[in-house]
């Protein structure tokens, strides 16, 4: 019976030695494969975590870009709305101007410009007068100075006068004295 116990004890030690390499037994191939698989799994897990972090960063960047694009679209929509309002205002102003022009045309009809004769040469002062045809009204006028000293005279009166345009000029002291004036008047029928 002692030999049975001895065989049983030796069998137990051998089994334990095979199961635990530290006790001097050969390495367990299942334990080695399990350790290699665990190491590979840990490496794969690290790579997956890195990839997940990169994906999260990319998603955050995409979300920021989407927010910026939405803000830009909103700004563009506001600008389009303002442009539409400005166009509408411009169209209304154009319509009002066309209506005012039509009213003015109906009141004045056509206009004509009448030129007077040249008065001069003048010494110190001179004037010119041009009249509108009968049945028309003065809407504006002006004058033209020619000759030596044309730049050395100033108007003292340049306005409508009844149914005419009257211009009165004086020579600047020390200026030349051989200038002439011609008056024009714009008449509305």
N, C-alpha and C. Protein backbone atom coordinates (compact mmCIF):
# COMPACT_ATOMS: atom_id res chain seq x y z
N UNK A 1 0.80 -1.16 0.00
CA UNK A 1 0.00 0.00 0.00
C UNK A 1 0.86 1.24 0.00
N UNK A 2 2.00 1.11 0.57
CA UNK A 2 2.90 2.24 0.59
C UNK A 2 3.31 2.58 -0.81
N UNK A 3 3.47 1.61 -1.63
CA UNK A 3 3.88 1.93 -2.99
C UNK A 3 2.76 2.65 -3.74
N UNK A 4 1.55 2.36 -3.41
CA UNK A 4 0.45 3.08 -4.05
C UNK A 4 0.49 4.54 -3.67
N UNK A 5 0.75 4.76 -2.38
CA UNK A 5 0.80 6.15 -1.93
C UNK A 5 2.00 6.85 -2.54
N UNK A 6 3.06 6.18 -2.71
CA UNK A 6 4.25 6.77 -3.29
C UNK A 6 4.00 7.11 -4.75
N UNK A 7 3.34 6.20 -5.48
CA UNK A 7 3.02 6.46 -6.90
C UNK A 7 2.05 7.63 -6.98
N UNK A 8 1.09 7.64 -6.09
CA UNK A 8 0.10 8.73 -6.09
C UNK A 8 0.79 10.05 -5.77
N UNK A 9 1.72 10.08 -4.85
CA UNK A 9 2.42 11.30 -4.50
C UNK A 9 3.29 11.76 -5.65
N UNK A 10 4.01 10.84 -6.27
CA UNK A 10 4.84 11.20 -7.41
C UNK A 10 3.99 11.69 -8.58
N UNK A 11 2.86 11.09 -8.80
CA UNK A 11 1.96 11.53 -9.87
C UNK A 11 1.47 12.94 -9.60
N UNK A 12 1.15 13.22 -8.36
CA UNK A 12 0.66 14.56 -8.00
C UNK A 12 1.75 15.61 -8.21
N UNK A 13 2.99 15.26 -7.82
CA UNK A 13 4.10 16.20 -7.98
C UNK A 13 4.35 16.42 -9.47
N UNK A 14 4.32 15.38 -10.26
CA UNK A 14 4.53 15.50 -11.69
C UNK A 14 3.44 16.36 -12.33
N UNK A 15 2.21 16.12 -11.97
CA UNK A 15 1.09 16.92 -12.50
C UNK A 15 1.25 18.38 -12.11
N UNK A 16 1.64 18.60 -10.87
CA UNK A 16 1.82 19.96 -10.40
C UNK A 16 2.99 20.62 -11.11
N UNK A 17 4.05 19.87 -11.37
CA UNK A 17 5.22 20.41 -12.06
C UNK A 17 4.88 20.76 -13.49
N UNK A 18 4.06 19.95 -14.10
CA UNK A 18 3.63 20.27 -15.48
C UNK A 18 2.72 21.50 -15.50
N UNK A 19 1.90 21.64 -14.50
CA UNK A 19 0.94 22.76 -14.47
C UNK A 19 1.64 24.06 -14.08
N UNK A 20 2.63 24.03 -13.24
CA UNK A 20 3.29 25.24 -12.78
C UNK A 20 4.75 25.15 -13.20
N UNK A 21 5.15 25.90 -14.26
CA UNK A 21 6.53 25.83 -14.75
C UNK A 21 7.55 26.27 -13.72
N UNK A 22 7.19 27.08 -12.75
CA UNK A 22 8.14 27.55 -11.75
C UNK A 22 8.66 26.40 -10.89
N UNK A 23 7.92 25.31 -10.87
CA UNK A 23 8.35 24.19 -10.07
C UNK A 23 9.32 23.29 -10.83
N UNK A 24 9.72 23.75 -12.02
CA UNK A 24 10.74 23.02 -12.75
C UNK A 24 10.20 22.20 -13.89
N UNK A 25 8.94 22.27 -14.17
CA UNK A 25 8.38 21.50 -15.25
C UNK A 25 8.53 22.24 -16.58
N UNK A 26 8.21 21.56 -17.66
CA UNK A 26 8.29 22.24 -18.95
C UNK A 26 7.23 23.33 -19.02
N UNK A 27 7.44 24.29 -19.93
CA UNK A 27 6.47 25.37 -20.08
C UNK A 27 5.19 24.81 -20.67
N UNK A 28 4.08 25.37 -20.23
CA UNK A 28 2.77 24.91 -20.68
C UNK A 28 2.44 25.63 -21.98
N UNK A 29 2.28 24.88 -23.10
CA UNK A 29 2.01 25.54 -24.38
C UNK A 29 0.69 26.29 -24.37
N UNK A 30 -0.30 25.84 -23.67
CA UNK A 30 -1.60 26.53 -23.61
C UNK A 30 -1.43 27.85 -22.91
N UNK A 31 -0.63 27.88 -21.82
CA UNK A 31 -0.40 29.12 -21.10
C UNK A 31 0.38 30.10 -21.97
N UNK A 32 1.36 29.60 -22.74
CA UNK A 32 2.15 30.47 -23.62
C UNK A 32 1.27 31.07 -24.71
N UNK A 33 0.42 30.23 -25.31
CA UNK A 33 -0.47 30.73 -26.37
C UNK A 33 -1.44 31.75 -25.79
N UNK A 34 -1.95 31.48 -24.60
CA UNK A 34 -2.89 32.41 -23.95
C UNK A 34 -2.21 33.74 -23.68
N UNK A 35 -0.95 33.70 -23.24
CA UNK A 35 -0.22 34.94 -22.96
C UNK A 35 0.03 35.71 -24.24
N UNK A 36 0.37 35.01 -25.32
CA UNK A 36 0.61 35.67 -26.61
C UNK A 36 -0.67 36.29 -27.14
N UNK A 37 -1.79 35.58 -27.01
CA UNK A 37 -3.08 36.11 -27.45
C UNK A 37 -3.45 37.33 -26.63
N UNK A 38 -3.21 37.27 -25.33
CA UNK A 38 -3.54 38.41 -24.46
C UNK A 38 -2.70 39.63 -24.84
N UNK A 39 -1.41 39.44 -25.14
CA UNK A 39 -0.53 40.54 -25.54
C UNK A 39 -1.01 41.16 -26.86
N UNK A 40 -1.37 40.29 -27.81
CA UNK A 40 -1.88 40.77 -29.10
C UNK A 40 -3.18 41.54 -28.90
N UNK A 41 -4.03 41.04 -28.03
CA UNK A 41 -5.31 41.71 -27.75
C UNK A 41 -5.07 43.07 -27.11
N UNK A 42 -4.09 43.14 -26.20
CA UNK A 42 -3.78 44.44 -25.57
C UNK A 42 -3.27 45.44 -26.60
N UNK A 43 -2.39 44.99 -27.51
CA UNK A 43 -1.90 45.87 -28.57
C UNK A 43 -3.04 46.34 -29.46
N UNK A 44 -3.92 45.43 -29.82
CA UNK A 44 -5.08 45.79 -30.66
C UNK A 44 -5.99 46.77 -29.94
N UNK A 45 -6.15 46.59 -28.63
CA UNK A 45 -6.98 47.50 -27.84
C UNK A 45 -6.38 48.90 -27.81
N UNK A 46 -5.05 49.00 -27.66
CA UNK A 46 -4.38 50.30 -27.68
C UNK A 46 -4.58 50.99 -29.02
N UNK A 47 -4.43 50.23 -30.12
CA UNK A 47 -4.62 50.81 -31.46
C UNK A 47 -6.07 51.24 -31.66
N UNK A 48 -6.99 50.46 -31.15
CA UNK A 48 -8.41 50.81 -31.27
C UNK A 48 -8.72 52.08 -30.49
N UNK A 49 -8.12 52.20 -29.30
CA UNK A 49 -8.34 53.42 -28.50
C UNK A 49 -7.75 54.65 -29.20
N UNK A 50 -6.57 54.50 -29.82
CA UNK A 50 -5.96 55.60 -30.58
C UNK A 50 -6.85 55.99 -31.76
N UNK A 51 -7.35 54.97 -32.48
CA UNK A 51 -8.23 55.24 -33.62
C UNK A 51 -9.51 55.92 -33.16
N UNK A 52 -10.06 55.51 -32.03
CA UNK A 52 -11.27 56.12 -31.49
C UNK A 52 -11.02 57.58 -31.13
N UNK A 53 -9.88 57.86 -30.54
CA UNK A 53 -9.53 59.24 -30.18
C UNK A 53 -9.40 60.10 -31.44
N UNK A 54 -8.76 59.57 -32.48
CA UNK A 54 -8.62 60.30 -33.75
C UNK A 54 -9.99 60.54 -34.38
N UNK A 55 -10.85 59.54 -34.33
CA UNK A 55 -12.20 59.68 -34.89
C UNK A 55 -13.00 60.73 -34.11
N UNK A 56 -12.85 60.74 -32.79
CA UNK A 56 -13.56 61.76 -31.98
C UNK A 56 -13.08 63.17 -32.32
N UNK A 57 -11.76 63.33 -32.51
CA UNK A 57 -11.22 64.64 -32.90
C UNK A 57 -11.75 65.07 -34.26
N UNK A 58 -11.78 64.12 -35.21
CA UNK A 58 -12.31 64.43 -36.54
C UNK A 58 -13.78 64.81 -36.46
N UNK A 59 -14.55 64.12 -35.63
CA UNK A 59 -15.97 64.44 -35.48
C UNK A 59 -16.15 65.83 -34.89
N UNK A 60 -15.32 66.18 -33.91
CA UNK A 60 -15.39 67.50 -33.30
C UNK A 60 -15.07 68.59 -34.32
N UNK A 61 -14.04 68.35 -35.15
CA UNK A 61 -13.68 69.30 -36.20
C UNK A 61 -14.81 69.45 -37.21
N UNK A 62 -15.41 68.33 -37.59
CA UNK A 62 -16.54 68.37 -38.52
C UNK A 62 -17.72 69.13 -37.94
N UNK A 63 -17.98 68.94 -36.65
CA UNK A 63 -19.08 69.67 -36.00
C UNK A 63 -18.81 71.17 -35.98
N UNK A 64 -17.55 71.55 -35.72
CA UNK A 64 -17.19 72.98 -35.73
C UNK A 64 -17.35 73.57 -37.12
N UNK A 65 -16.93 72.82 -38.14
CA UNK A 65 -17.07 73.28 -39.52
C UNK A 65 -18.54 73.43 -39.89
N UNK A 66 -19.36 72.50 -39.44
CA UNK A 66 -20.81 72.58 -39.72
C UNK A 66 -21.41 73.81 -39.06
N UNK A 67 -21.02 74.11 -37.83
CA UNK A 67 -21.52 75.30 -37.14
C UNK A 67 -21.11 76.56 -37.88
N UNK A 68 -19.83 76.62 -38.32
CA UNK A 68 -19.36 77.78 -39.08
C UNK A 68 -20.12 77.93 -40.39
N UNK A 69 -20.37 76.81 -41.05
CA UNK A 69 -21.12 76.85 -42.32
C UNK A 69 -22.55 77.33 -42.09
N UNK A 70 -23.16 76.89 -41.01
CA UNK A 70 -24.53 77.34 -40.70
C UNK A 70 -24.55 78.84 -40.40
N UNK A 71 -23.54 79.32 -39.69
CA UNK A 71 -23.45 80.76 -39.40
C UNK A 71 -23.27 81.56 -40.69
N UNK A 72 -22.39 81.07 -41.57
CA UNK A 72 -22.17 81.75 -42.85
C UNK A 72 -23.44 81.75 -43.69
N UNK A 73 -24.18 80.65 -43.70
CA UNK A 73 -25.44 80.59 -44.46
C UNK A 73 -26.45 81.58 -43.90
N UNK A 74 -26.51 81.67 -42.58
CA UNK A 74 -27.43 82.63 -41.95
C UNK A 74 -27.06 84.06 -42.33
N UNK A 75 -25.76 84.37 -42.31
CA UNK A 75 -25.30 85.71 -42.70
C UNK A 75 -25.63 85.99 -44.16
N UNK A 76 -25.42 85.00 -45.02
CA UNK A 76 -25.74 85.17 -46.45
C UNK A 76 -27.23 85.38 -46.65
N UNK A 77 -28.05 84.66 -45.90
CA UNK A 77 -29.50 84.84 -46.01
C UNK A 77 -29.92 86.24 -45.56
N UNK A 78 -29.30 86.73 -44.49
CA UNK A 78 -29.60 88.09 -44.02
C UNK A 78 -29.18 89.13 -45.06
N UNK A 79 -28.01 88.93 -45.68
CA UNK A 79 -27.54 89.86 -46.71
C UNK A 79 -28.47 89.84 -47.92
N UNK A 80 -28.95 88.67 -48.29
CA UNK A 80 -29.88 88.57 -49.43
C UNK A 80 -31.17 89.29 -49.11
N UNK A 81 -31.64 89.14 -47.89
CA UNK A 81 -32.87 89.81 -47.48
C UNK A 81 -32.69 91.33 -47.52
N UNK A 82 -31.54 91.82 -47.02
CA UNK A 82 -31.27 93.26 -47.05
C UNK A 82 -31.16 93.76 -48.49
N UNK A 83 -30.53 92.96 -49.36
CA UNK A 83 -30.42 93.35 -50.77
C UNK A 83 -31.79 93.41 -51.43
N UNK A 84 -32.66 92.47 -51.09
CA UNK A 84 -34.01 92.49 -51.66
C UNK A 84 -34.78 93.73 -51.20
N UNK A 85 -34.61 94.10 -49.93
CA UNK A 85 -35.29 95.30 -49.42
C UNK A 85 -34.73 96.55 -50.12
N UNK A 86 -33.40 96.60 -50.29
CA UNK A 86 -32.78 97.74 -50.97
C UNK A 86 -33.26 97.83 -52.42
N UNK A 87 -33.38 96.69 -53.09
CA UNK A 87 -33.86 96.68 -54.47
C UNK A 87 -35.30 97.18 -54.54
N UNK A 88 -36.10 96.75 -53.58
CA UNK A 88 -37.49 97.19 -53.55
C UNK A 88 -37.57 98.70 -53.32
N UNK A 89 -36.74 99.22 -52.41
CA UNK A 89 -36.70 100.66 -52.15
C UNK A 89 -36.25 101.42 -53.39
N UNK A 90 -35.22 100.90 -54.07
CA UNK A 90 -34.74 101.54 -55.30
C UNK A 90 -35.81 101.53 -56.38
N UNK A 91 -36.53 100.42 -56.50
CA UNK A 91 -37.60 100.36 -57.49
C UNK A 91 -38.70 101.37 -57.18
N UNK A 92 -39.03 101.52 -55.88
CA UNK A 92 -40.04 102.50 -55.48
C UNK A 92 -39.56 103.91 -55.79
N UNK A 93 -38.29 104.20 -55.50
CA UNK A 93 -37.74 105.52 -55.78
C UNK A 93 -37.74 105.81 -57.28
N UNK A 94 -37.41 104.80 -58.07
CA UNK A 94 -37.42 104.98 -59.52
C UNK A 94 -38.83 105.27 -60.02
N UNK A 95 -39.80 104.54 -59.49
CA UNK A 95 -41.19 104.77 -59.88
C UNK A 95 -41.64 106.18 -59.50
N UNK A 96 -41.24 106.63 -58.30
CA UNK A 96 -41.60 107.98 -57.86
C UNK A 96 -40.93 109.02 -58.76
N UNK A 97 -39.68 108.80 -59.13
CA UNK A 97 -38.97 109.74 -60.00
C UNK A 97 -39.62 109.79 -61.38
N UNK A 98 -40.01 108.63 -61.89
CA UNK A 98 -40.67 108.60 -63.20
C UNK A 98 -42.02 109.32 -63.15
N UNK A 99 -42.74 109.14 -62.03
CA UNK A 99 -44.02 109.85 -61.88
C UNK A 99 -43.81 111.35 -61.79
N UNK A 100 -42.75 111.77 -61.05
CA UNK A 100 -42.46 113.20 -60.95
C UNK A 100 -42.06 113.77 -62.31
N UNK A 101 -41.27 113.00 -63.06
CA UNK A 101 -40.88 113.46 -64.40
C UNK A 101 -42.10 113.58 -65.30
N UNK A 102 -43.01 112.62 -65.21
CA UNK A 102 -44.23 112.68 -66.02
C UNK A 102 -45.06 113.90 -65.64
N UNK A 103 -45.15 114.20 -64.34
CA UNK A 103 -45.88 115.39 -63.90
C UNK A 103 -45.22 116.65 -64.43
N UNK A 104 -43.88 116.71 -64.31
CA UNK A 104 -43.16 117.88 -64.82
C UNK A 104 -43.35 118.02 -66.32
N UNK A 105 -43.29 116.90 -67.05
CA UNK A 105 -43.48 116.97 -68.49
C UNK A 105 -44.88 117.46 -68.85
N UNK A 106 -45.87 117.04 -68.07
CA UNK A 106 -47.23 117.47 -68.38
C UNK A 106 -47.43 118.95 -68.07
N UNK A 107 -46.69 119.48 -67.12
CA UNK A 107 -46.84 120.90 -66.76
C UNK A 107 -46.04 121.81 -67.69
N UNK A 108 -44.85 121.36 -68.08
CA UNK A 108 -44.00 122.22 -68.88
C UNK A 108 -44.04 121.91 -70.37
N UNK A 109 -44.36 120.72 -70.71
CA UNK A 109 -44.28 120.36 -72.13
C UNK A 109 -42.83 120.28 -72.53
N UNK A 110 -42.48 120.92 -73.61
CA UNK A 110 -41.09 120.88 -74.07
C UNK A 110 -40.37 122.17 -73.68
N UNK A 111 -39.04 122.09 -73.68
CA UNK A 111 -38.24 123.28 -73.36
C UNK A 111 -37.41 123.67 -74.58
N UNK A 112 -37.02 124.92 -74.59
CA UNK A 112 -36.14 125.41 -75.65
C UNK A 112 -35.16 126.41 -75.03
N UNK A 113 -34.02 126.55 -75.67
CA UNK A 113 -33.02 127.51 -75.19
C UNK A 113 -32.92 128.64 -76.21
N UNK A 114 -33.02 129.87 -75.72
CA UNK A 114 -32.91 131.06 -76.56
C UNK A 114 -31.60 131.76 -76.22
N UNK A 115 -30.85 132.15 -77.25
CA UNK A 115 -29.58 132.86 -77.06
C UNK A 115 -29.75 134.30 -77.50
N UNK A 116 -29.26 135.22 -76.67
CA UNK A 116 -29.33 136.64 -77.01
C UNK A 116 -28.14 137.03 -77.88
N UNK A 117 -28.10 138.28 -78.25
CA UNK A 117 -26.98 138.80 -79.03
C UNK A 117 -25.83 139.11 -78.09
N UNK A 118 -24.64 139.16 -78.64
CA UNK A 118 -23.46 139.47 -77.84
C UNK A 118 -23.43 140.97 -77.59
N UNK A 119 -23.28 141.34 -76.32
CA UNK A 119 -23.23 142.75 -75.91
C UNK A 119 -21.79 143.09 -75.56
N UNK A 120 -21.25 144.12 -76.17
CA UNK A 120 -19.89 144.52 -75.84
C UNK A 120 -19.16 144.98 -77.09
N UNK A 121 -17.91 145.31 -77.08
CA UNK A 121 -17.07 145.16 -75.90
C UNK A 121 -17.44 146.16 -74.80
N UNK A 122 -17.21 145.73 -73.57
CA UNK A 122 -17.56 146.53 -72.41
C UNK A 122 -16.31 147.04 -71.73
N UNK A 123 -16.48 148.09 -70.99
CA UNK A 123 -15.36 148.66 -70.24
C UNK A 123 -15.43 148.12 -68.81
N UNK A 124 -16.01 148.85 -67.89
CA UNK A 124 -16.04 148.44 -66.49
C UNK A 124 -17.17 147.49 -66.18
N UNK A 125 -18.37 147.71 -66.74
CA UNK A 125 -19.51 146.85 -66.44
C UNK A 125 -20.34 146.68 -67.70
N UNK A 126 -21.23 145.68 -67.68
CA UNK A 126 -22.09 145.43 -68.82
C UNK A 126 -23.20 144.48 -68.42
N UNK A 127 -24.21 144.36 -69.27
CA UNK A 127 -25.29 143.43 -68.98
C UNK A 127 -25.84 142.87 -70.28
N UNK A 128 -26.61 141.77 -70.13
CA UNK A 128 -27.27 141.15 -71.27
C UNK A 128 -28.65 140.69 -70.84
N UNK A 129 -29.59 140.65 -71.77
CA UNK A 129 -30.96 140.27 -71.48
C UNK A 129 -31.48 139.47 -72.67
N UNK A 130 -32.11 138.32 -72.38
CA UNK A 130 -32.72 137.51 -73.42
C UNK A 130 -34.11 137.11 -72.94
N UNK A 131 -35.10 137.20 -73.82
CA UNK A 131 -36.50 136.97 -73.47
C UNK A 131 -37.01 135.67 -74.05
N UNK A 132 -37.94 135.01 -73.31
CA UNK A 132 -38.60 133.80 -73.79
C UNK A 132 -39.69 134.19 -74.79
N UNK A 133 -40.03 133.29 -75.73
CA UNK A 133 -41.13 133.56 -76.65
C UNK A 133 -42.46 133.70 -75.89
N UNK A 134 -43.42 134.36 -76.48
CA UNK A 134 -44.73 134.56 -75.85
C UNK A 134 -45.36 133.20 -75.54
N UNK A 135 -45.97 133.07 -74.36
CA UNK A 135 -46.64 131.85 -73.96
C UNK A 135 -45.75 130.84 -73.27
N UNK A 136 -44.49 131.13 -73.07
CA UNK A 136 -43.58 130.21 -72.37
C UNK A 136 -43.07 130.86 -71.09
N UNK A 137 -42.50 130.02 -70.22
CA UNK A 137 -42.00 130.50 -68.93
C UNK A 137 -40.51 130.24 -68.81
N UNK A 138 -39.84 131.10 -68.03
CA UNK A 138 -38.41 130.95 -67.77
C UNK A 138 -38.20 129.80 -66.77
N UNK A 139 -37.32 128.85 -67.12
CA UNK A 139 -36.97 127.77 -66.18
C UNK A 139 -35.49 127.80 -65.79
N UNK A 140 -34.69 128.63 -66.46
CA UNK A 140 -33.28 128.72 -66.14
C UNK A 140 -32.58 129.60 -67.15
N UNK A 141 -31.31 129.81 -66.95
CA UNK A 141 -30.55 130.63 -67.88
C UNK A 141 -29.10 130.71 -67.47
N UNK A 142 -28.33 131.52 -68.20
CA UNK A 142 -26.93 131.66 -67.90
C UNK A 142 -26.29 132.68 -68.82
N UNK A 143 -24.97 132.71 -68.85
CA UNK A 143 -24.26 133.68 -69.68
C UNK A 143 -22.92 133.12 -70.10
N UNK A 144 -22.34 133.77 -71.11
CA UNK A 144 -21.02 133.41 -71.63
C UNK A 144 -20.24 134.71 -71.83
N UNK A 145 -19.02 134.75 -71.30
CA UNK A 145 -18.17 135.93 -71.44
C UNK A 145 -17.04 135.58 -72.40
N UNK A 146 -16.77 136.46 -73.37
CA UNK A 146 -15.70 136.24 -74.35
C UNK A 146 -14.85 137.49 -74.45
N UNK A 147 -13.72 137.36 -75.14
CA UNK A 147 -12.85 138.50 -75.39
C UNK A 147 -11.72 138.58 -74.39
N UNK A 148 -10.88 139.62 -74.57
CA UNK A 148 -9.75 139.85 -73.67
C UNK A 148 -10.32 140.25 -72.32
N UNK A 149 -9.87 139.60 -71.28
CA UNK A 149 -10.36 139.91 -69.93
C UNK A 149 -11.61 139.13 -69.56
N UNK A 150 -11.96 138.07 -70.31
CA UNK A 150 -13.15 137.28 -70.01
C UNK A 150 -13.08 136.65 -68.62
N UNK A 151 -11.88 136.38 -68.13
CA UNK A 151 -11.71 135.80 -66.80
C UNK A 151 -11.57 136.85 -65.71
N UNK A 152 -11.74 138.11 -66.09
CA UNK A 152 -11.53 139.18 -65.11
C UNK A 152 -12.82 139.93 -64.81
N UNK A 153 -13.98 139.26 -65.01
CA UNK A 153 -15.27 139.86 -64.68
C UNK A 153 -16.03 138.92 -63.76
N UNK A 154 -16.93 139.48 -62.95
CA UNK A 154 -17.76 138.69 -62.03
C UNK A 154 -19.21 139.12 -62.20
N UNK A 155 -20.17 138.18 -62.05
CA UNK A 155 -21.57 138.56 -62.16
C UNK A 155 -22.04 139.27 -60.89
N UNK A 156 -22.81 140.31 -61.08
CA UNK A 156 -23.44 140.99 -59.94
C UNK A 156 -24.92 140.64 -59.88
N UNK A 157 -25.47 140.20 -61.01
CA UNK A 157 -26.86 139.74 -61.06
C UNK A 157 -26.94 138.70 -62.18
N UNK A 158 -27.55 137.54 -61.88
CA UNK A 158 -27.68 136.47 -62.88
C UNK A 158 -28.92 135.67 -62.50
N UNK A 159 -30.10 136.11 -63.00
CA UNK A 159 -31.34 135.49 -62.56
C UNK A 159 -32.45 135.81 -63.56
N UNK A 160 -33.62 135.15 -63.33
CA UNK A 160 -34.77 135.46 -64.19
C UNK A 160 -35.28 136.86 -63.84
N UNK A 161 -35.85 137.47 -64.88
CA UNK A 161 -36.38 138.83 -64.70
C UNK A 161 -37.64 138.90 -65.57
N UNK A 162 -38.81 138.63 -64.94
CA UNK A 162 -40.05 138.55 -65.70
C UNK A 162 -40.02 137.33 -66.61
N UNK A 163 -40.22 137.57 -67.92
CA UNK A 163 -40.17 136.46 -68.88
C UNK A 163 -38.81 136.41 -69.59
N UNK A 164 -37.74 136.88 -68.90
CA UNK A 164 -36.40 136.95 -69.50
C UNK A 164 -35.36 136.51 -68.49
N UNK A 165 -34.12 136.40 -69.00
CA UNK A 165 -32.96 136.14 -68.14
C UNK A 165 -32.04 137.33 -68.25
N UNK A 166 -31.66 137.90 -67.10
CA UNK A 166 -30.84 139.11 -67.06
C UNK A 166 -29.53 138.79 -66.34
N UNK A 167 -28.44 139.24 -66.96
CA UNK A 167 -27.11 139.09 -66.36
C UNK A 167 -26.41 140.43 -66.38
N UNK A 168 -25.87 140.80 -65.20
CA UNK A 168 -25.10 142.04 -65.08
C UNK A 168 -23.71 141.67 -64.57
N UNK A 169 -22.66 142.21 -65.20
CA UNK A 169 -21.28 141.87 -64.87
C UNK A 169 -20.47 143.12 -64.60
N UNK A 170 -19.42 142.95 -63.77
CA UNK A 170 -18.48 144.04 -63.53
C UNK A 170 -17.06 143.53 -63.66
N UNK A 171 -16.19 144.44 -64.13
CA UNK A 171 -14.79 144.11 -64.29
C UNK A 171 -14.11 144.16 -62.92
N UNK A 172 -13.18 143.22 -62.70
CA UNK A 172 -12.36 143.23 -61.49
C UNK A 172 -11.41 144.42 -61.63
N UNK A 173 -11.21 145.21 -60.56
CA UNK A 173 -10.30 146.35 -60.68
C UNK A 173 -8.94 145.91 -61.20
N UNK A 174 -8.46 146.61 -62.20
CA UNK A 174 -7.16 146.33 -62.79
C UNK A 174 -7.26 145.35 -63.95
N UNK A 175 -8.45 144.84 -64.25
CA UNK A 175 -8.62 143.88 -65.33
C UNK A 175 -8.72 144.58 -66.68
N UNK A 176 -8.67 143.78 -67.72
CA UNK A 176 -8.79 144.31 -69.09
C UNK A 176 -10.21 144.80 -69.32
N UNK A 177 -10.40 145.61 -70.35
CA UNK A 177 -11.71 146.20 -70.54
C UNK A 177 -12.30 145.98 -71.94
N UNK A 178 -12.01 144.84 -72.53
CA UNK A 178 -12.55 144.58 -73.86
C UNK A 178 -13.27 143.23 -73.89
N UNK A 179 -14.16 142.97 -72.99
CA UNK A 179 -14.89 141.72 -72.91
C UNK A 179 -16.33 141.91 -73.38
N UNK A 180 -16.96 140.79 -73.78
CA UNK A 180 -18.35 140.81 -74.25
C UNK A 180 -19.12 139.72 -73.53
N UNK A 181 -20.47 139.88 -73.45
CA UNK A 181 -21.32 138.90 -72.78
C UNK A 181 -22.47 138.50 -73.71
N UNK A 182 -22.85 137.21 -73.63
CA UNK A 182 -24.03 136.72 -74.35
C UNK A 182 -24.86 135.93 -73.35
N UNK A 183 -26.14 136.24 -73.23
CA UNK A 183 -27.03 135.62 -72.26
C UNK A 183 -27.88 134.57 -72.96
N UNK A 184 -28.17 133.48 -72.24
CA UNK A 184 -29.10 132.45 -72.74
C UNK A 184 -30.19 132.22 -71.71
N UNK A 185 -31.38 131.81 -72.18
CA UNK A 185 -32.50 131.53 -71.29
C UNK A 185 -33.14 130.22 -71.75
N UNK A 186 -33.55 129.40 -70.76
CA UNK A 186 -34.26 128.15 -71.04
C UNK A 186 -35.74 128.41 -70.78
N UNK A 187 -36.56 128.11 -71.79
CA UNK A 187 -37.99 128.42 -71.72
C UNK A 187 -38.79 127.13 -71.82
N UNK A 188 -39.88 127.05 -71.02
CA UNK A 188 -40.79 125.91 -71.06
C UNK A 188 -42.10 126.35 -71.66
N UNK A 189 -42.64 125.55 -72.58
CA UNK A 189 -43.91 125.89 -73.21
C UNK A 189 -45.07 125.33 -72.41
